[in-house]
Protein backbone atom coordinates (compact mmCIF):
# COMPACT_ATOMS: atom_id res chain seq x y z
CA UNK A 1 113.67 79.16 87.70
CA UNK A 2 113.22 78.42 83.99
CA UNK A 3 113.09 82.16 83.28
CA UNK A 4 116.39 82.63 85.07
CA UNK A 5 118.10 79.95 82.95
CA UNK A 6 116.60 81.45 79.80
CA UNK A 7 117.96 84.86 80.84
CA UNK A 8 121.45 83.41 81.35
CA UNK A 9 121.36 81.54 78.05
CA UNK A 10 120.21 84.64 76.16
CA UNK A 11 122.95 86.71 77.77
CA UNK A 12 125.56 84.19 76.69
CA UNK A 13 124.24 84.23 73.11
CA UNK A 14 124.43 88.04 73.08
CA UNK A 15 127.94 88.02 74.52
CA UNK A 16 129.09 85.52 71.87
CA UNK A 17 127.58 87.77 69.21
CA UNK A 18 129.69 90.64 70.48
CA UNK A 19 132.84 88.50 70.54
CA UNK A 20 132.16 87.38 66.97
CA UNK A 21 131.99 90.98 65.71
CA UNK A 22 135.52 91.80 66.88
CA UNK A 23 137.77 91.75 63.79
CA UNK A 24 140.82 90.56 65.74
CA UNK A 25 141.28 87.04 67.13
CA UNK A 26 139.87 86.95 70.65
CA UNK A 27 139.55 84.37 73.42
CA UNK A 28 137.25 84.41 76.44
CA UNK A 29 138.85 82.69 79.43
CA UNK A 30 137.49 81.57 82.77
CA UNK A 31 139.19 82.14 86.13
CA UNK A 32 141.35 79.03 85.58
CA UNK A 33 142.52 80.20 82.14
CA UNK A 34 140.41 77.63 80.33
CA UNK A 35 139.04 78.78 76.99
CA UNK A 36 135.29 79.32 77.24
CA UNK A 37 134.77 80.92 73.86
CA UNK A 38 136.63 82.25 70.85
CA UNK A 39 135.83 84.68 68.09
CA UNK A 40 135.32 83.69 64.48
CA UNK A 41 138.48 85.67 63.69
CA UNK A 42 140.42 83.45 66.12
CA UNK A 43 139.20 80.26 64.46
CA UNK A 44 139.99 81.62 61.00
CA UNK A 45 143.44 82.99 61.92
CA UNK A 46 144.64 79.81 63.63
CA UNK A 47 142.69 77.37 61.44
CA UNK A 48 141.11 75.70 64.48
CA UNK A 49 137.60 74.66 65.35
CA UNK A 50 135.68 74.85 68.62
CA UNK A 51 136.28 71.14 69.26
CA UNK A 52 140.05 71.76 69.43
CA UNK A 53 139.76 75.01 71.37
CA UNK A 54 136.87 75.25 73.84
CA UNK A 55 137.73 73.81 77.23
CA UNK A 56 141.49 73.81 76.60
CA UNK A 57 143.90 75.39 79.05
CA UNK A 58 145.62 78.51 77.73
């Protein structure tokens, strides 16, 4: 079971790395339109941090 959680965690880290390479502001939303992640470009463009963004409803 620990290997499975490690696999999921590594996949999330890789996905965030991809999001962070996109030059345009980008949000990742869940099925309820809550912000799960945002790109570095998003944080820079809107002068926000993860604490004010992640978990917020779109």
